Amino acid sequence: MVWRANRVTDRYHKLMAGTFEEANMNSTVSGTGRIRRATLRGGMTFVGGLALAGCEIGMPGSDPKQGGSSATAAPGAAPQAIAGASKTATIELEKGGIITIGLFGGNDPKTDAPNTVKNFEAKANQGFYNGLKFHRVEDWVVQGGDPKGDGTGGGQMNSEYNEREFRVGAVGIARGGDPRINNDSQFFIVKRDSPHLNKTYTNFGQVTSGLELIVKIAIGDKIKKISVK
């Protein structure tokens, strides 16, 4: 069964409507995993790191025919329960504020990503993420967890795919051009519905509180600490 938004994400969706267009991207990836050249539909070409950890992904546009919800929430909203979440991650921002995430560490291949959650938990509780920054911020996504701070760092691990949808507040893992291999530290949080990522990126968590903080994250903002219980 394909996962549907629960009451918390439904609540966010009703607060603000957004739009986006999935663009086709053809990318040339260097040996370091960084995008050197990317061509979007319509002939526009960008040079530089335009993908999750230097990966090929669709970029959002503004086609009103493809609607998507944007992230917004009342300041100080209490964490909400997420169906299927086995653990909770807490991200403390250096500039103040706490984001909580329900993690899907169960053993159902349709809904969970247990190895990804186990790896994230181990790194977080060992202090790996302390002081690392968000190196990528766009209108639809924030990305951090790179020890180098530029989108080229981190190791490798096997990908895990499930049927959860990348709705507002979904948390995923960055990867390179090989869909079988994920980055082992870089994670991203989507600020709007991103169905072009469904089943092509590992979905391992859902924000339960702090969406109002995520939309205010700027490039260079630092993670003070991440803990998982």
C-alpha atoms as a PDB file:
ATOM      1  CA  MET A   1       0.000   0.000   0.000  1.00  0.00           C
ATOM      2  CA  VAL A   2       1.351   3.396  -0.937  1.00  0.00           C
ATOM      3  CA  TRP A   3       1.719   5.583   2.146  1.00  0.00           C
ATOM      4  CA  ARG A   4      -0.677   8.511   2.358  1.00  0.00           C
ATOM      5  CA  ALA A   5      -0.185  11.727   4.320  1.00  0.00           C
ATOM      6  CA  ASN A   6      -1.250  11.450   7.935  1.00  0.00           C
ATOM      7  CA  ARG A   7      -3.027  14.128   9.867  1.00  0.00           C
ATOM      8  CA  VAL A   8       0.047  16.226  10.626  1.00  0.00           C
ATOM      9  CA  THR A   9       1.170  16.568   7.018  1.00  0.00           C
ATOM     10  CA  ASP A  10      -2.427  17.058   5.926  1.00  0.00           C
ATOM     11  CA  ARG A  11      -2.566  19.946   8.379  1.00  0.00           C
ATOM     12  CA  TYR A  12       0.519  21.528   6.864  1.00  0.00           C
ATOM     13  CA  HIS A  13      -0.840  21.037   3.343  1.00  0.00           C
ATOM     14  CA  LYS A  14      -4.006  22.948   4.171  1.00  0.00           C
ATOM     15  CA  LEU A  15      -2.079  25.952   5.495  1.00  0.00           C
ATOM     16  CA  MET A  16      -0.341  26.944   2.307  1.00  0.00           C
ATOM     17  CA  ALA A  17      -0.552  25.827  -1.322  1.00  0.00           C
ATOM     18  CA  GLY A  18       2.515  25.841  -3.554  1.00  0.00           C
ATOM     19  CA  THR A  19       3.335  24.797  -7.081  1.00  0.00           C
ATOM     20  CA  PHE A  20       6.252  23.199  -8.843  1.00  0.00           C
ATOM     21  CA  GLU A  21       7.243  21.593 -12.088  1.00  0.00           C
ATOM     22  CA  GLU A  22       9.514  18.584 -12.339  1.00  0.00           C
ATOM     23  CA  ALA A  23      12.226  19.508 -14.818  1.00  0.00           C
ATOM     24  CA  ASN A  24      14.316  17.030 -16.733  1.00  0.00           C
ATOM     25  CA  MET A  25      17.970  17.300 -15.830  1.00  0.00           C
ATOM     26  CA  ASN A  26      20.841  15.776 -17.768  1.00  0.00           C
ATOM     27  CA  SER A  27      23.993  16.007 -15.680  1.00  0.00           C
ATOM     28  CA  THR A  28      27.688  15.419 -16.097  1.00  0.00           C
ATOM     29  CA  VAL A  29      29.156  14.172 -12.839  1.00  0.00           C
ATOM     30  CA  SER A  30      32.840  14.563 -12.048  1.00  0.00           C
ATOM     31  CA  GLY A  31      34.939  11.929 -10.324  1.00  0.00           C
ATOM     32  CA  THR A  32      34.332  13.663  -7.010  1.00  0.00           C
ATOM     33  CA  GLY A  33      30.583  13.324  -7.418  1.00  0.00           C
ATOM     34  CA  ARG A  34      29.980  17.021  -8.005  1.00  0.00           C
ATOM     35  CA  ILE A  35      27.802  18.145 -10.870  1.00  0.00           C
ATOM     36  CA  ARG A  36      29.940  19.981 -13.426  1.00  0.00           C
ATOM     37  CA  ARG A  37      27.202  20.740 -15.931  1.00  0.00           C
ATOM     38  CA  ALA A  38      23.436  20.364 -15.820  1.00  0.00           C
ATOM     39  CA  THR A  39      20.923  21.019 -18.573  1.00  0.00           C
ATOM     40  CA  LEU A  40      17.302  21.634 -17.651  1.00  0.00           C
ATOM     41  CA  ARG A  41      14.256  21.256 -19.871  1.00  0.00           C
ATOM     42  CA  GLY A  42      13.951  24.320 -22.073  1.00  0.00           C
ATOM     43  CA  GLY A  43      17.669  24.446 -22.817  1.00  0.00           C
ATOM     44  CA  MET A  44      18.793  26.352 -19.728  1.00  0.00           C
ATOM     45  CA  THR A  45      22.182  25.141 -18.516  1.00  0.00           C
ATOM     46  CA  PHE A  46      23.602  25.502 -15.042  1.00  0.00           C
ATOM     47  CA  VAL A  47      27.167  24.746 -14.008  1.00  0.00           C
ATOM     48  CA  GLY A  48      27.922  23.816 -10.429  1.00  0.00           C
ATOM     49  CA  GLY A  49      26.450  21.586  -7.720  1.00  0.00           C
ATOM     50  CA  LEU A  50      22.732  21.587  -8.496  1.00  0.00           C
ATOM     51  CA  ALA A  51      21.770  18.199  -7.165  1.00  0.00           C
ATOM     52  CA  LEU A  52      21.438  16.384  -3.892  1.00  0.00           C
ATOM     53  CA  ALA A  53      25.056  15.562  -3.073  1.00  0.00           C
ATOM     54  CA  GLY A  54      25.931  16.148  -6.699  1.00  0.00           C
ATOM     55  CA  CYS A  55      23.188  13.882  -8.047  1.00  0.00           C
ATOM     56  CA  GLU A  56      20.651  13.959 -10.846  1.00  0.00           C
ATOM     57  CA  ILE A  57      17.253  15.099  -9.633  1.00  0.00           C
ATOM     58  CA  GLY A  58      14.277  17.017 -10.960  1.00  0.00           C
ATOM     59  CA  MET A  59      14.284  20.709 -10.129  1.00  0.00           C
ATOM     60  CA  PRO A  60      11.068  22.493  -9.089  1.00  0.00           C
ATOM     61  CA  GLY A  61       9.497  25.073 -11.360  1.00  0.00           C
ATOM     62  CA  SER A  62       6.195  26.915 -11.391  1.00  0.00           C
ATOM     63  CA  ASP A  63       3.724  24.938 -13.481  1.00  0.00           C
ATOM     64  CA  PRO A  64       0.318  25.577 -11.824  1.00  0.00           C
ATOM     65  CA  LYS A  65      -1.001  22.339 -13.280  1.00  0.00           C
ATOM     66  CA  GLN A  66       1.277  20.359 -10.980  1.00  0.00           C
ATOM     67  CA  GLY A  67       0.323  21.508  -7.532  1.00  0.00           C
ATOM     68  CA  GLY A  68       2.330  20.890  -4.399  1.00  0.00           C
ATOM     69  CA  SER A  69       2.048  22.004  -0.792  1.00  0.00           C
ATOM     70  CA  SER A  70       4.680  24.207   0.812  1.00  0.00           C
ATOM     71  CA  ALA A  71       6.001  23.939   4.333  1.00  0.00           C
ATOM     72  CA  THR A  72       4.557  26.191   6.995  1.00  0.00           C
ATOM     73  CA  ALA A  73       3.519  25.651  10.588  1.00  0.00           C
ATOM     74  CA  ALA A  74       2.571  27.565  13.680  1.00  0.00           C
ATOM     75  CA  PRO A  75       5.632  28.628  15.715  1.00  0.00           C
ATOM     76  CA  GLY A  76       6.198  26.344  18.674  1.00  0.00           C
ATOM     77  CA  ALA A  77       3.843  23.642  17.429  1.00  0.00           C
ATOM     78  CA  ALA A  78       4.078  20.477  19.515  1.00  0.00           C
ATOM     79  CA  PRO A  79       5.564  17.337  17.909  1.00  0.00           C
ATOM     80  CA  GLN A  80       2.951  15.198  16.190  1.00  0.00           C
ATOM     81  CA  ALA A  81       2.877  11.406  16.027  1.00  0.00           C
ATOM     82  CA  ILE A  82       3.843   9.908  12.680  1.00  0.00           C
ATOM     83  CA  ALA A  83       2.408   6.521  11.773  1.00  0.00           C
ATOM     84  CA  GLY A  84       5.137   3.899  11.538  1.00  0.00           C
ATOM     85  CA  ALA A  85       7.897   5.936  13.156  1.00  0.00           C
ATOM     86  CA  SER A  86      10.089   3.755  15.376  1.00  0.00           C
ATOM     87  CA  LYS A  87      12.465   6.423  16.682  1.00  0.00           C
ATOM     88  CA  THR A  88      12.677  10.184  17.059  1.00  0.00           C
ATOM     89  CA  ALA A  89      15.546  12.399  15.930  1.00  0.00           C
ATOM     90  CA  THR A  90      16.025  15.838  17.470  1.00  0.00           C
ATOM     91  CA  ILE A  91      17.999  18.451  15.528  1.00  0.00           C
ATOM     92  CA  GLU A  92      19.179  21.433  17.561  1.00  0.00           C
ATOM     93  CA  LEU A  93      20.139  24.434  15.444  1.00  0.00           C
ATOM     94  CA  GLU A  94      23.099  26.556  16.492  1.00  0.00           C
ATOM     95  CA  LYS A  95      21.075  29.734  15.939  1.00  0.00           C
ATOM     96  CA  GLY A  96      18.285  28.392  18.134  1.00  0.00           C
ATOM     97  CA  GLY A  97      15.300  26.121  17.671  1.00  0.00           C
ATOM     98  CA  ILE A  98      14.613  22.401  17.625  1.00  0.00           C
ATOM     99  CA  ILE A  99      13.359  20.215  14.779  1.00  0.00           C
ATOM    100  CA  THR A 100      11.970  16.763  15.531  1.00  0.00           C
ATOM    101  CA  ILE A 101      11.741  13.929  13.025  1.00  0.00           C
ATOM    102  CA  GLY A 102      10.011  10.567  13.191  1.00  0.00           C
ATOM    103  CA  LEU A 103      12.323   7.884  11.749  1.00  0.00           C
ATOM    104  CA  PHE A 104      11.155   4.803   9.868  1.00  0.00           C
ATOM    105  CA  GLY A 105      13.418   2.147  11.330  1.00  0.00           C
ATOM    106  CA  GLY A 106      11.017  -0.791  11.180  1.00  0.00           C
ATOM    107  CA  ASN A 107      11.380  -3.865   9.002  1.00  0.00           C
ATOM    108  CA  ASP A 108       8.588  -3.407   6.461  1.00  0.00           C
ATOM    109  CA  PRO A 109      10.219  -2.866   3.042  1.00  0.00           C
ATOM    110  CA  LYS A 110       7.150  -0.967   1.854  1.00  0.00           C
ATOM    111  CA  THR A 111       7.396   1.709   4.536  1.00  0.00           C
ATOM    112  CA  ASP A 112      10.767   1.564   6.268  1.00  0.00           C
ATOM    113  CA  ALA A 113      14.506   2.102   5.803  1.00  0.00           C
ATOM    114  CA  PRO A 114      16.053   0.296   8.805  1.00  0.00           C
ATOM    115  CA  ASN A 115      19.698   0.336   7.710  1.00  0.00           C
ATOM    116  CA  THR A 116      19.551   4.036   6.876  1.00  0.00           C
ATOM    117  CA  VAL A 117      17.984   4.833  10.249  1.00  0.00           C
ATOM    118  CA  LYS A 118      20.540   2.695  12.078  1.00  0.00           C
ATOM    119  CA  ASN A 119      23.404   4.477  10.334  1.00  0.00           C
ATOM    120  CA  PHE A 120      21.886   7.931  10.955  1.00  0.00           C
ATOM    121  CA  GLU A 121      21.291   7.102  14.612  1.00  0.00           C
ATOM    122  CA  ALA A 122      24.859   5.887  15.127  1.00  0.00           C
ATOM    123  CA  LYS A 123      26.387   8.967  13.511  1.00  0.00           C
ATOM    124  CA  ALA A 124      24.078  11.341  15.353  1.00  0.00           C
ATOM    125  CA  ASN A 125      24.649   9.853  18.784  1.00  0.00           C
ATOM    126  CA  GLN A 126      28.413   9.781  18.208  1.00  0.00           C
ATOM    127  CA  GLY A 127      28.369  13.533  17.584  1.00  0.00           C
ATOM    128  CA  PHE A 128      29.205  13.279  13.878  1.00  0.00           C
ATOM    129  CA  TYR A 129      26.750  16.029  12.878  1.00  0.00           C
ATOM    130  CA  ASN A 130      27.692  18.466  15.631  1.00  0.00           C
ATOM    131  CA  GLY A 131      28.805  21.734  14.054  1.00  0.00           C
ATOM    132  CA  LEU A 132      28.146  20.717  10.442  1.00  0.00           C
ATOM    133  CA  LYS A 133      26.293  23.173   8.247  1.00  0.00           C
ATOM    134  CA  PHE A 134      23.455  23.214   5.757  1.00  0.00           C
ATOM    135  CA  HIS A 135      25.364  23.678   2.513  1.00  0.00           C
ATOM    136  CA  ARG A 136      22.388  23.672   0.164  1.00  0.00           C
ATOM    137  CA  VAL A 137      19.197  25.702   0.547  1.00  0.00           C
ATOM    138  CA  GLU A 138      16.613  26.143  -2.205  1.00  0.00           C
ATOM    139  CA  ASP A 139      12.956  27.079  -2.228  1.00  0.00           C
ATOM    140  CA  TRP A 140      11.937  23.433  -1.978  1.00  0.00           C
ATOM    141  CA  VAL A 141      14.749  21.707  -0.045  1.00  0.00           C
ATOM    142  CA  VAL A 142      17.489  22.067   2.565  1.00  0.00           C
ATOM    143  CA  GLN A 143      20.470  19.727   2.719  1.00  0.00           C
ATOM    144  CA  GLY A 144      23.195  19.190   5.286  1.00  0.00           C
ATOM    145  CA  GLY A 145      25.344  16.616   7.008  1.00  0.00           C
ATOM    146  CA  ASP A 146      28.376  16.898   4.710  1.00  0.00           C
ATOM    147  CA  PRO A 147      31.651  16.754   6.706  1.00  0.00           C
ATOM    148  CA  LYS A 148      33.327  18.816   3.962  1.00  0.00           C
ATOM    149  CA  GLY A 149      30.527  21.361   3.873  1.00  0.00           C
ATOM    150  CA  ASP A 150      30.372  21.664   0.088  1.00  0.00           C
ATOM    151  CA  GLY A 151      28.282  18.705  -1.071  1.00  0.00           C
ATOM    152  CA  THR A 152      31.209  16.432  -1.964  1.00  0.00           C
ATOM    153  CA  GLY A 153      31.861  14.776   1.400  1.00  0.00           C
ATOM    154  CA  GLY A 154      30.601  11.647   3.094  1.00  0.00           C
ATOM    155  CA  GLY A 155      31.017   7.939   2.481  1.00  0.00           C
ATOM    156  CA  GLN A 156      28.827   5.356   0.764  1.00  0.00           C
ATOM    157  CA  MET A 157      26.206   2.828   1.770  1.00  0.00           C
ATOM    158  CA  ASN A 158      23.543   0.785   0.032  1.00  0.00           C
ATOM    159  CA  SER A 159      20.328   2.554  -0.920  1.00  0.00           C
ATOM    160  CA  GLU A 160      16.959   1.609   0.558  1.00  0.00           C
ATOM    161  CA  TYR A 161      13.721   2.375  -1.253  1.00  0.00           C
ATOM    162  CA  ASN A 162      10.184   2.183   0.056  1.00  0.00           C
ATOM    163  CA  GLU A 163       6.741   3.379  -0.971  1.00  0.00           C
ATOM    164  CA  ARG A 164       6.562   6.449   1.253  1.00  0.00           C
ATOM    165  CA  GLU A 165       5.921   9.671  -0.610  1.00  0.00           C
ATOM    166  CA  PHE A 166       8.106  12.750  -0.373  1.00  0.00           C
ATOM    167  CA  ARG A 167       5.487  15.055   1.102  1.00  0.00           C
ATOM    168  CA  VAL A 168       6.153  18.315   2.948  1.00  0.00           C
ATOM    169  CA  GLY A 169       8.707  17.607   5.678  1.00  0.00           C
ATOM    170  CA  ALA A 170       9.915  14.267   4.308  1.00  0.00           C
ATOM    171  CA  VAL A 171      13.547  13.455   5.082  1.00  0.00           C
ATOM    172  CA  GLY A 172      15.763  11.711   2.539  1.00  0.00           C
ATOM    173  CA  ILE A 173      19.350  10.698   1.874  1.00  0.00           C
ATOM    174  CA  ALA A 174      21.464  12.214  -0.890  1.00  0.00           C
ATOM    175  CA  ARG A 175      23.115   9.994  -3.473  1.00  0.00           C
ATOM    176  CA  GLY A 176      25.246  10.097  -6.608  1.00  0.00           C
ATOM    177  CA  GLY A 177      24.446   8.913 -10.093  1.00  0.00           C
ATOM    178  CA  ASP A 178      24.260   5.234  -9.124  1.00  0.00           C
ATOM    179  CA  PRO A 179      20.820   4.665  -7.542  1.00  0.00           C
ATOM    180  CA  ARG A 180      22.146   1.613  -5.720  1.00  0.00           C
ATOM    181  CA  ILE A 181      24.517   3.707  -3.602  1.00  0.00           C
ATOM    182  CA  ASN A 182      23.616   6.416  -1.095  1.00  0.00           C
ATOM    183  CA  ASN A 183      25.794   8.975   0.606  1.00  0.00           C
ATOM    184  CA  ASP A 184      26.198   7.808   4.200  1.00  0.00           C
ATOM    185  CA  SER A 185      25.868  11.176   5.927  1.00  0.00           C
ATOM    186  CA  GLN A 186      24.173  13.855   3.814  1.00  0.00           C
ATOM    187  CA  PHE A 187      20.443  14.210   4.376  1.00  0.00           C
ATOM    188  CA  PHE A 188      17.807  16.560   3.005  1.00  0.00           C
ATOM    189  CA  ILE A 189      14.372  17.814   4.048  1.00  0.00           C
ATOM    190  CA  VAL A 190      11.813  18.861   1.448  1.00  0.00           C
ATOM    191  CA  LYS A 191       9.848  22.063   2.004  1.00  0.00           C
ATOM    192  CA  ARG A 192       7.160  21.165  -0.512  1.00  0.00           C
ATOM    193  CA  ASP A 193       5.650  18.000  -1.982  1.00  0.00           C
ATOM    194  CA  SER A 194       8.304  16.422  -4.229  1.00  0.00           C
ATOM    195  CA  PRO A 195       6.799  13.369  -5.957  1.00  0.00           C
ATOM    196  CA  HIS A 196       9.664  13.264  -8.486  1.00  0.00           C
ATOM    197  CA  LEU A 197      11.779  11.865  -5.640  1.00  0.00           C
ATOM    198  CA  ASN A 198       9.383   9.015  -4.814  1.00  0.00           C
ATOM    199  CA  LYS A 199      11.051   5.592  -5.014  1.00  0.00           C
ATOM    200  CA  THR A 200      14.224   7.168  -6.418  1.00  0.00           C
ATOM    201  CA  TYR A 201      15.626   8.512  -3.132  1.00  0.00           C
ATOM    202  CA  THR A 202      15.625   6.917   0.308  1.00  0.00           C
ATOM    203  CA  ASN A 203      12.777   8.290   2.431  1.00  0.00           C
ATOM    204  CA  PHE A 204      13.651   7.552   6.052  1.00  0.00           C
ATOM    205  CA  GLY A 205      11.828  10.138   8.134  1.00  0.00           C
ATOM    206  CA  GLN A 206       9.162  12.810   8.494  1.00  0.00           C
ATOM    207  CA  VAL A 207       9.353  16.128  10.329  1.00  0.00           C
ATOM    208  CA  THR A 208       6.963  16.161  13.285  1.00  0.00           C
ATOM    209  CA  SER A 209       7.707  19.685  14.526  1.00  0.00           C
ATOM    210  CA  GLY A 210       9.855  22.623  13.448  1.00  0.00           C
ATOM    211  CA  LEU A 211       8.766  23.132   9.839  1.00  0.00           C
ATOM    212  CA  GLU A 212       8.614  26.854  10.585  1.00  0.00           C
ATOM    213  CA  LEU A 213      12.345  26.662  11.367  1.00  0.00           C
ATOM    214  CA  ILE A 214      13.231  24.679   8.252  1.00  0.00           C
ATOM    215  CA  VAL A 215      11.820  27.334   5.928  1.00  0.00           C
ATOM    216  CA  LYS A 216      14.095  29.900   7.623  1.00  0.00           C
ATOM    217  CA  ILE A 217      17.323  27.896   7.297  1.00  0.00           C
ATOM    218  CA  ALA A 218      19.976  29.710   5.257  1.00  0.00           C
ATOM    219  CA  ILE A 219      23.139  28.406   3.603  1.00  0.00           C
ATOM    220  CA  GLY A 220      25.817  28.118   6.258  1.00  0.00           C
ATOM    221  CA  ASP A 221      23.463  27.688   9.221  1.00  0.00           C
ATOM    222  CA  LYS A 222      24.935  25.083  11.544  1.00  0.00           C
ATOM    223  CA  ILE A 223      23.633  22.024  13.318  1.00  0.00           C
ATOM    224  CA  LYS A 224      24.433  22.248  17.006  1.00  0.00           C
ATOM    225  CA  LYS A 225      23.565  18.646  17.743  1.00  0.00           C
ATOM    226  CA  ILE A 226      21.468  15.717  16.530  1.00  0.00           C
ATOM    227  CA  SER A 227      20.291  13.006  18.911  1.00  0.00           C
ATOM    228  CA  VAL A 228      18.166   9.920  18.239  1.00  0.00           C
ATOM    229  CA  LYS A 229      16.096   7.989  20.760  1.00  0.00           C
END
